[in-house]
């Protein structure tokens, strides 16, 4: 089993605005269906959680401990993103990783011993 860094960025979906929309001066309410905010990443996150032990250490980045290869992880996750989104998977280890948050490196080290 190995530890992987999984990072993603989902581009906002464009939507049409009329002259009374209010996006430019923030005069209308934004909700999950208006298209003005970020996209829902809950299905992608759910799939990441299903692939093995995980740590959510940055807003759009996870550490994942799994027996899957990086190619297999990417294959499983890409169904939850669009072609113009960003999805990155890379195997990492405690010897080549540095972080200002000691718990991140400790998590990696602990998982490497399993």
Protein backbone atom coordinates (compact mmCIF):
# COMPACT_ATOMS: atom_id res chain seq x y z
CA UNK A 1 0.00 0.00 0.00
CA UNK A 2 1.13 3.53 -0.73
CA UNK A 3 0.27 7.13 0.12
CA UNK A 4 -0.92 9.46 -2.63
CA UNK A 5 -1.56 13.16 -2.88
CA UNK A 6 -4.90 13.82 -4.56
CA UNK A 7 -5.55 17.42 -5.49
CA UNK A 8 -8.34 18.91 -7.58
CA UNK A 9 -9.87 22.17 -8.75
CA UNK A 10 -13.36 22.26 -10.20
CA UNK A 11 -13.90 25.21 -12.49
CA UNK A 12 -17.09 27.15 -11.99
CA UNK A 13 -19.77 26.43 -14.52
CA UNK A 14 -20.69 29.44 -16.61
CA UNK A 15 -24.25 30.64 -16.70
CA UNK A 16 -26.14 33.36 -18.47
CA UNK A 17 -26.84 36.66 -16.73
CA UNK A 18 -29.42 39.20 -17.75
CA UNK A 19 -29.08 42.91 -17.07
CA UNK A 20 -31.01 42.54 -13.79
CA UNK A 21 -29.03 39.60 -12.41
CA UNK A 22 -26.96 41.55 -9.90
CA UNK A 23 -23.77 39.48 -10.10
CA UNK A 24 -21.63 42.50 -10.89
CA UNK A 25 -22.68 44.42 -7.77
CA UNK A 26 -23.59 41.44 -5.55
CA UNK A 27 -27.22 42.50 -5.24
CA UNK A 28 -28.80 39.08 -5.56
CA UNK A 29 -28.77 36.01 -3.36
CA UNK A 30 -26.53 33.16 -4.40
CA UNK A 31 -27.67 29.62 -3.79
CA UNK A 32 -26.40 26.22 -4.84
CA UNK A 33 -28.46 26.26 -8.03
CA UNK A 34 -27.72 29.78 -9.31
CA UNK A 35 -24.42 28.88 -10.96
CA UNK A 36 -22.56 31.83 -9.45
CA UNK A 37 -20.69 29.94 -6.77
CA UNK A 38 -18.32 27.00 -6.78
CA UNK A 39 -19.38 23.55 -7.91
CA UNK A 40 -20.46 20.81 -5.56
CA UNK A 41 -17.54 18.46 -4.96
CA UNK A 42 -19.33 16.10 -2.55
CA UNK A 43 -19.50 13.17 -4.98
CA UNK A 44 -15.78 13.46 -5.76
CA UNK A 45 -14.94 13.67 -2.05
CA UNK A 46 -17.17 10.68 -1.33
CA UNK A 47 -15.29 8.63 -3.91
CA UNK A 48 -11.92 9.68 -2.45
CA UNK A 49 -13.16 8.57 0.98
CA UNK A 50 -14.18 5.19 -0.45
CA UNK A 51 -10.72 4.38 -1.83
CA UNK A 52 -8.87 3.95 1.46
CA UNK A 53 -7.70 5.80 4.55
CA UNK A 54 -7.64 9.52 3.89
CA UNK A 55 -6.67 12.86 5.40
CA UNK A 56 -8.21 16.13 4.18
CA UNK A 57 -5.30 18.50 4.77
CA UNK A 58 -6.02 21.39 2.38
CA UNK A 59 -9.30 22.71 0.93
CA UNK A 60 -9.01 20.73 -2.30
CA UNK A 61 -6.30 18.21 -1.41
CA UNK A 62 -6.32 14.83 0.28
CA UNK A 63 -3.76 12.27 1.33
CA UNK A 64 -4.92 8.78 0.45
CA UNK A 65 -3.52 5.48 1.70
CA UNK A 66 -4.56 2.70 -0.65
CA UNK A 67 -3.40 -0.37 -2.56
CA UNK A 68 -4.53 1.22 -5.83
CA UNK A 69 -2.04 2.73 -8.29
CA UNK A 70 -2.11 6.42 -9.17
CA UNK A 71 -3.50 5.49 -12.61
CA UNK A 72 -6.34 3.48 -11.03
CA UNK A 73 -7.13 6.30 -8.57
CA UNK A 74 -7.29 8.78 -11.45
CA UNK A 75 -9.52 6.42 -13.43
CA UNK A 76 -11.97 6.13 -10.52
CA UNK A 77 -12.04 9.88 -9.81
CA UNK A 78 -12.17 11.31 -13.32
CA UNK A 79 -15.83 10.36 -13.75
CA UNK A 80 -16.67 13.06 -11.17
CA UNK A 81 -14.92 15.95 -12.95
CA UNK A 82 -15.30 17.78 -16.25
CA UNK A 83 -12.68 17.84 -19.00
CA UNK A 84 -11.54 21.37 -18.09
CA UNK A 85 -11.20 20.67 -14.34
CA UNK A 86 -7.89 19.94 -12.62
CA UNK A 87 -7.22 16.52 -11.06
CA UNK A 88 -3.76 15.46 -9.88
CA UNK A 89 -2.67 12.17 -8.28
CA UNK A 90 0.90 11.46 -7.21
CA UNK A 91 2.49 8.85 -4.99
CA UNK A 92 4.38 10.45 -2.10
CA UNK A 93 6.42 9.32 0.89
CA UNK A 94 7.68 10.79 4.15
CA UNK A 95 11.30 10.96 2.98
CA UNK A 96 10.58 13.25 0.05
CA UNK A 97 7.78 15.31 1.61
CA UNK A 98 8.11 18.44 3.72
CA UNK A 99 5.27 20.39 5.28
CA UNK A 100 4.86 23.26 7.74
CA UNK A 101 2.19 21.21 9.52
CA UNK A 102 3.97 18.34 11.33
CA UNK A 103 0.79 16.25 11.58
CA UNK A 104 0.70 15.87 7.79
CA UNK A 105 4.12 14.26 7.64
CA UNK A 106 3.32 12.18 10.73
CA UNK A 107 0.17 10.85 9.02
CA UNK A 108 2.20 9.84 5.97
CA UNK A 109 4.88 8.17 8.13
CA UNK A 110 2.28 6.27 10.14
CA UNK A 111 0.55 4.94 7.04
CA UNK A 112 3.87 3.84 5.49
CA UNK A 113 4.40 1.50 8.45
CA UNK A 114 1.12 -0.36 7.86
